[in-house]
Amino acid sequence: MIRLKSILVATDFSEPSEAALAYGRQLARTFGARLIVFHAADNLASRGYGSEGFVFIEPDLQNQIEAAARTRARALISDEDRQELRAEEVVVTAISPAAAIAAYARDEQIDLIIIGTHGRSGVAHLVMGSVAERVVRTAPCPVLTVRHPEHEFVLPDALVALREA
């Protein structure tokens, strides 16, 4: 039997991430698992600009980015999620979102990672790469990728309530 005790949903606040969160909520309910909504905020100080590799950023900009990400991640989790699924948001600062997701999953013994994919192909995929693809290759646990628009396995909560009535 498959036992899922902790499910991590990686988010970049996009529509594919919202779809992944819907899957994460439903799987967490089904398995009685804890839900973690994870975001890797961009580490601005790691970016090198110019011929000298010199970086100048407003001193408080990194803190503002992280605070905004925490606020957005917190807003994704309802009070019901917090009570029923023991849901929490985690925001880390990282150079590589994929590496941050895999490292957190390894350190916290996550049982399943769910991540949305934008479905880019061709030149866009070559230039931008795929965080989801890198997570699949490096994660210490199974990874469920959710493409948006996704196949309608998960019904919106309002439809579930109507079906049960």
C-alpha atoms as a PDB file:
ATOM      1  CA  MET A   1       0.000   0.000   0.000  1.00  0.00           C
ATOM      2  CA  ILE A   2       1.211   3.481  -0.805  1.00  0.00           C
ATOM      3  CA  ARG A   3       1.476   5.729   2.245  1.00  0.00           C
ATOM      4  CA  LEU A   4       1.733   9.441   1.719  1.00  0.00           C
ATOM      5  CA  LYS A   5       2.405  11.395   4.894  1.00  0.00           C
ATOM      6  CA  SER A   6       3.627  14.637   3.350  1.00  0.00           C
ATOM      7  CA  ILE A   7       2.917  16.190  -0.024  1.00  0.00           C
ATOM      8  CA  LEU A   8       4.791  19.196  -1.366  1.00  0.00           C
ATOM      9  CA  VAL A   9       3.149  21.361  -4.021  1.00  0.00           C
ATOM     10  CA  ALA A  10       5.685  23.630  -5.706  1.00  0.00           C
ATOM     11  CA  THR A  11       4.246  26.936  -6.847  1.00  0.00           C
ATOM     12  CA  ASP A  12       5.362  29.844  -8.978  1.00  0.00           C
ATOM     13  CA  PHE A  13       1.844  31.328  -8.623  1.00  0.00           C
ATOM     14  CA  SER A  14       0.941  30.472 -12.228  1.00  0.00           C
ATOM     15  CA  GLU A  15      -2.178  28.709 -13.547  1.00  0.00           C
ATOM     16  CA  PRO A  16      -0.338  25.375 -13.836  1.00  0.00           C
ATOM     17  CA  SER A  17       0.657  25.775 -10.159  1.00  0.00           C
ATOM     18  CA  GLU A  18      -2.980  26.363  -9.217  1.00  0.00           C
ATOM     19  CA  ALA A  19      -3.908  23.144 -11.003  1.00  0.00           C
ATOM     20  CA  ALA A  20      -1.119  21.312  -9.147  1.00  0.00           C
ATOM     21  CA  LEU A  21      -2.450  22.664  -5.840  1.00  0.00           C
ATOM     22  CA  ALA A  22      -5.912  21.262  -6.620  1.00  0.00           C
ATOM     23  CA  TYR A  23      -4.327  17.829  -7.062  1.00  0.00           C
ATOM     24  CA  GLY A  24      -2.255  18.281  -3.915  1.00  0.00           C
ATOM     25  CA  ARG A  25      -5.284  19.167  -1.799  1.00  0.00           C
ATOM     26  CA  GLN A  26      -7.275  16.186  -3.027  1.00  0.00           C
ATOM     27  CA  LEU A  27      -4.421  13.714  -2.593  1.00  0.00           C
ATOM     28  CA  ALA A  28      -3.650  15.081   0.879  1.00  0.00           C
ATOM     29  CA  ARG A  29      -7.310  14.596   1.859  1.00  0.00           C
ATOM     30  CA  THR A  30      -7.424  11.105   0.381  1.00  0.00           C
ATOM     31  CA  PHE A  31      -4.254   9.933   2.144  1.00  0.00           C
ATOM     32  CA  GLY A  32      -4.549  12.033   5.314  1.00  0.00           C
ATOM     33  CA  ALA A  33      -1.246  13.668   4.390  1.00  0.00           C
ATOM     34  CA  ARG A  34       0.229  16.999   5.416  1.00  0.00           C
ATOM     35  CA  LEU A  35       0.287  19.602   2.625  1.00  0.00           C
ATOM     36  CA  ILE A  36       3.225  21.943   2.065  1.00  0.00           C
ATOM     37  CA  VAL A  37       2.920  24.798  -0.448  1.00  0.00           C
ATOM     38  CA  PHE A  38       6.501  25.590  -1.461  1.00  0.00           C
ATOM     39  CA  HIS A  39       7.878  28.598  -3.334  1.00  0.00           C
ATOM     40  CA  ALA A  40      11.501  29.328  -4.200  1.00  0.00           C
ATOM     41  CA  ALA A  41      11.986  33.112  -4.335  1.00  0.00           C
ATOM     42  CA  ASP A  42      14.644  34.338  -6.711  1.00  0.00           C
ATOM     43  CA  ASN A  43      17.971  35.195  -5.090  1.00  0.00           C
ATOM     44  CA  LEU A  44      18.772  38.557  -6.664  1.00  0.00           C
ATOM     45  CA  ALA A  45      22.245  38.778  -5.149  1.00  0.00           C
ATOM     46  CA  SER A  46      23.302  35.697  -7.123  1.00  0.00           C
ATOM     47  CA  ARG A  47      22.778  37.389 -10.460  1.00  0.00           C
ATOM     48  CA  GLY A  48      25.846  38.846 -12.116  1.00  0.00           C
ATOM     49  CA  TYR A  49      25.369  41.811 -14.424  1.00  0.00           C
ATOM     50  CA  GLY A  50      27.767  43.738 -16.571  1.00  0.00           C
ATOM     51  CA  SER A  51      31.281  42.930 -17.640  1.00  0.00           C
ATOM     52  CA  GLU A  52      32.558  43.016 -14.046  1.00  0.00           C
ATOM     53  CA  GLY A  53      29.816  40.748 -12.714  1.00  0.00           C
ATOM     54  CA  PHE A  54      28.836  43.549 -10.339  1.00  0.00           C
ATOM     55  CA  VAL A  55      25.374  43.454  -8.847  1.00  0.00           C
ATOM     56  CA  PHE A  56      23.618  46.477  -7.450  1.00  0.00           C
ATOM     57  CA  ILE A  57      20.205  45.970  -5.927  1.00  0.00           C
ATOM     58  CA  GLU A  58      18.224  48.104  -3.575  1.00  0.00           C
ATOM     59  CA  PRO A  59      19.148  46.833  -0.090  1.00  0.00           C
ATOM     60  CA  ASP A  60      15.589  45.965   0.906  1.00  0.00           C
ATOM     61  CA  LEU A  61      14.459  44.567  -2.463  1.00  0.00           C
ATOM     62  CA  GLN A  62      15.268  40.930  -1.611  1.00  0.00           C
ATOM     63  CA  ASN A  63      13.309  41.213   1.644  1.00  0.00           C
ATOM     64  CA  GLN A  64      10.362  42.705  -0.239  1.00  0.00           C
ATOM     65  CA  ILE A  65      10.381  39.891  -2.781  1.00  0.00           C
ATOM     66  CA  GLU A  66      10.447  37.253  -0.047  1.00  0.00           C
ATOM     67  CA  ALA A  67       7.690  38.974   1.961  1.00  0.00           C
ATOM     68  CA  ALA A  68       5.482  39.234  -1.132  1.00  0.00           C
ATOM     69  CA  ALA A  69       6.060  35.545  -1.903  1.00  0.00           C
ATOM     70  CA  ARG A  70       5.158  34.571   1.683  1.00  0.00           C
ATOM     71  CA  THR A  71       1.959  36.624   1.468  1.00  0.00           C
ATOM     72  CA  ARG A  72       0.975  35.029  -1.845  1.00  0.00           C
ATOM     73  CA  ALA A  73       1.799  31.511  -0.636  1.00  0.00           C
ATOM     74  CA  ARG A  74      -0.120  32.066   2.615  1.00  0.00           C
ATOM     75  CA  ALA A  75      -3.149  33.232   0.604  1.00  0.00           C
ATOM     76  CA  LEU A  76      -3.211  29.935  -1.312  1.00  0.00           C
ATOM     77  CA  ILE A  77      -3.944  28.009   1.877  1.00  0.00           C
ATOM     78  CA  SER A  78      -7.395  28.216   3.415  1.00  0.00           C
ATOM     79  CA  ASP A  79      -8.192  27.881   7.107  1.00  0.00           C
ATOM     80  CA  GLU A  80      -9.775  24.535   6.283  1.00  0.00           C
ATOM     81  CA  ASP A  81      -6.506  23.426   4.616  1.00  0.00           C
ATOM     82  CA  ARG A  82      -4.575  24.454   7.731  1.00  0.00           C
ATOM     83  CA  GLN A  83      -6.868  22.484  10.029  1.00  0.00           C
ATOM     84  CA  GLU A  84      -7.713  19.452   7.930  1.00  0.00           C
ATOM     85  CA  LEU A  85      -4.434  19.020   6.025  1.00  0.00           C
ATOM     86  CA  ARG A  86      -2.034  20.638   8.492  1.00  0.00           C
ATOM     87  CA  ALA A  87      -1.107  22.819   5.504  1.00  0.00           C
ATOM     88  CA  GLU A  88       1.701  25.323   5.677  1.00  0.00           C
ATOM     89  CA  GLU A  89       3.563  27.574   3.293  1.00  0.00           C
ATOM     90  CA  VAL A  90       7.319  27.468   2.897  1.00  0.00           C
ATOM     91  CA  VAL A  91       9.273  30.158   1.066  1.00  0.00           C
ATOM     92  CA  VAL A  92      13.000  29.838   0.538  1.00  0.00           C
ATOM     93  CA  THR A  93      15.458  32.000  -1.382  1.00  0.00           C
ATOM     94  CA  ALA A  94      17.266  30.085  -4.087  1.00  0.00           C
ATOM     95  CA  ILE A  95      19.374  30.394  -7.198  1.00  0.00           C
ATOM     96  CA  SER A  96      17.754  27.288  -8.683  1.00  0.00           C
ATOM     97  CA  PRO A  97      14.099  26.557  -7.873  1.00  0.00           C
ATOM     98  CA  ALA A  98      14.488  22.921  -8.939  1.00  0.00           C
ATOM     99  CA  ALA A  99      17.474  22.357  -6.647  1.00  0.00           C
ATOM    100  CA  ALA A 100      15.656  24.072  -3.766  1.00  0.00           C
ATOM    101  CA  ILE A 101      12.576  21.872  -4.237  1.00  0.00           C
ATOM    102  CA  ALA A 102      14.640  18.675  -4.365  1.00  0.00           C
ATOM    103  CA  ALA A 103      16.771  19.666  -1.358  1.00  0.00           C
ATOM    104  CA  TYR A 104      13.729  20.551   0.761  1.00  0.00           C
ATOM    105  CA  ALA A 105      12.030  17.284  -0.218  1.00  0.00           C
ATOM    106  CA  ARG A 106      15.150  15.339   0.758  1.00  0.00           C
ATOM    107  CA  ASP A 107      15.679  17.199   4.060  1.00  0.00           C
ATOM    108  CA  GLU A 108      12.014  17.010   5.123  1.00  0.00           C
ATOM    109  CA  GLN A 109      11.398  13.471   3.838  1.00  0.00           C
ATOM    110  CA  ILE A 110       8.585  14.501   1.518  1.00  0.00           C
ATOM    111  CA  ASP A 111       6.690  11.537   0.050  1.00  0.00           C
ATOM    112  CA  LEU A 112       5.369  13.196  -3.119  1.00  0.00           C
ATOM    113  CA  ILE A 113       6.094  16.399  -5.035  1.00  0.00           C
ATOM    114  CA  ILE A 114       3.397  17.891  -7.249  1.00  0.00           C
ATOM    115  CA  ILE A 115       4.427  20.557  -9.729  1.00  0.00           C
ATOM    116  CA  GLY A 116       2.682  22.306 -12.578  1.00  0.00           C
ATOM    117  CA  THR A 117       4.232  22.435 -16.000  1.00  0.00           C
ATOM    118  CA  HIS A 118       3.806  25.133 -18.599  1.00  0.00           C
ATOM    119  CA  GLY A 119       4.208  22.677 -21.457  1.00  0.00           C
ATOM    120  CA  ARG A 120       6.765  24.784 -23.316  1.00  0.00           C
ATOM    121  CA  SER A 121       8.424  23.214 -26.299  1.00  0.00           C
ATOM    122  CA  GLY A 122      10.926  24.088 -28.979  1.00  0.00           C
ATOM    123  CA  VAL A 123      13.064  27.179 -28.529  1.00  0.00           C
ATOM    124  CA  ALA A 124      11.238  28.355 -25.382  1.00  0.00           C
ATOM    125  CA  HIS A 125      12.028  25.034 -23.684  1.00  0.00           C
ATOM    126  CA  LEU A 126      15.617  25.099 -24.920  1.00  0.00           C
ATOM    127  CA  VAL A 127      16.221  28.652 -23.661  1.00  0.00           C
ATOM    128  CA  MET A 128      14.204  28.571 -20.441  1.00  0.00           C
ATOM    129  CA  GLY A 129      14.451  24.894 -19.593  1.00  0.00           C
ATOM    130  CA  SER A 130      11.913  23.288 -17.355  1.00  0.00           C
ATOM    131  CA  VAL A 131      11.905  23.455 -13.581  1.00  0.00           C
ATOM    132  CA  ALA A 132       9.480  20.527 -13.551  1.00  0.00           C
ATOM    133  CA  GLU A 133      11.813  18.451 -15.721  1.00  0.00           C
ATOM    134  CA  ARG A 134      14.795  19.158 -13.446  1.00  0.00           C
ATOM    135  CA  VAL A 135      12.729  18.317 -10.357  1.00  0.00           C
ATOM    136  CA  VAL A 136      11.713  14.986 -11.902  1.00  0.00           C
ATOM    137  CA  ARG A 137      15.384  14.187 -12.575  1.00  0.00           C
ATOM    138  CA  THR A 138      16.705  15.183  -9.131  1.00  0.00           C
ATOM    139  CA  ALA A 139      13.901  14.590  -6.630  1.00  0.00           C
ATOM    140  CA  PRO A 140      14.342  11.983  -3.903  1.00  0.00           C
ATOM    141  CA  CYS A 141      10.666  10.939  -4.192  1.00  0.00           C
ATOM    142  CA  PRO A 142       7.983  10.509  -6.851  1.00  0.00           C
ATOM    143  CA  VAL A 143       6.936  13.642  -8.752  1.00  0.00           C
ATOM    144  CA  LEU A 144       3.518  14.246 -10.244  1.00  0.00           C
ATOM    145  CA  THR A 145       3.550  16.855 -13.009  1.00  0.00           C
ATOM    146  CA  VAL A 146       0.291  18.610 -13.798  1.00  0.00           C
ATOM    147  CA  ARG A 147      -0.158  20.268 -17.131  1.00  0.00           C
ATOM    148  CA  HIS A 148      -2.564  23.150 -17.491  1.00  0.00           C
ATOM    149  CA  PRO A 149      -5.194  22.893 -18.742  1.00  0.00           C
ATOM    150  CA  GLU A 150      -5.259  19.503 -17.111  1.00  0.00           C
ATOM    151  CA  HIS A 151      -7.439  16.469 -17.480  1.00  0.00           C
ATOM    152  CA  GLU A 152     -10.394  16.974 -15.151  1.00  0.00           C
ATOM    153  CA  PHE A 153      -9.654  14.318 -12.525  1.00  0.00           C
ATOM    154  CA  VAL A 154     -10.142  16.751  -9.676  1.00  0.00           C
ATOM    155  CA  LEU A 155     -13.527  18.404  -9.438  1.00  0.00           C
ATOM    156  CA  PRO A 156     -13.807  21.916  -8.029  1.00  0.00           C
ATOM    157  CA  ASP A 157     -15.057  21.835  -4.421  1.00  0.00           C
ATOM    158  CA  ALA A 158     -18.428  23.340  -5.423  1.00  0.00           C
ATOM    159  CA  LEU A 159     -19.081  20.448  -7.840  1.00  0.00           C
ATOM    160  CA  VAL A 160     -18.121  17.885  -5.215  1.00  0.00           C
ATOM    161  CA  ALA A 161     -20.623  19.456  -2.796  1.00  0.00           C
ATOM    162  CA  LEU A 162     -23.356  19.334  -5.457  1.00  0.00           C
ATOM    163  CA  ARG A 163     -22.558  15.728  -6.315  1.00  0.00           C
ATOM    164  CA  GLU A 164     -22.784  14.701  -2.647  1.00  0.00           C
ATOM    165  CA  ALA A 165     -26.070  16.555  -2.069  1.00  0.00           C
END
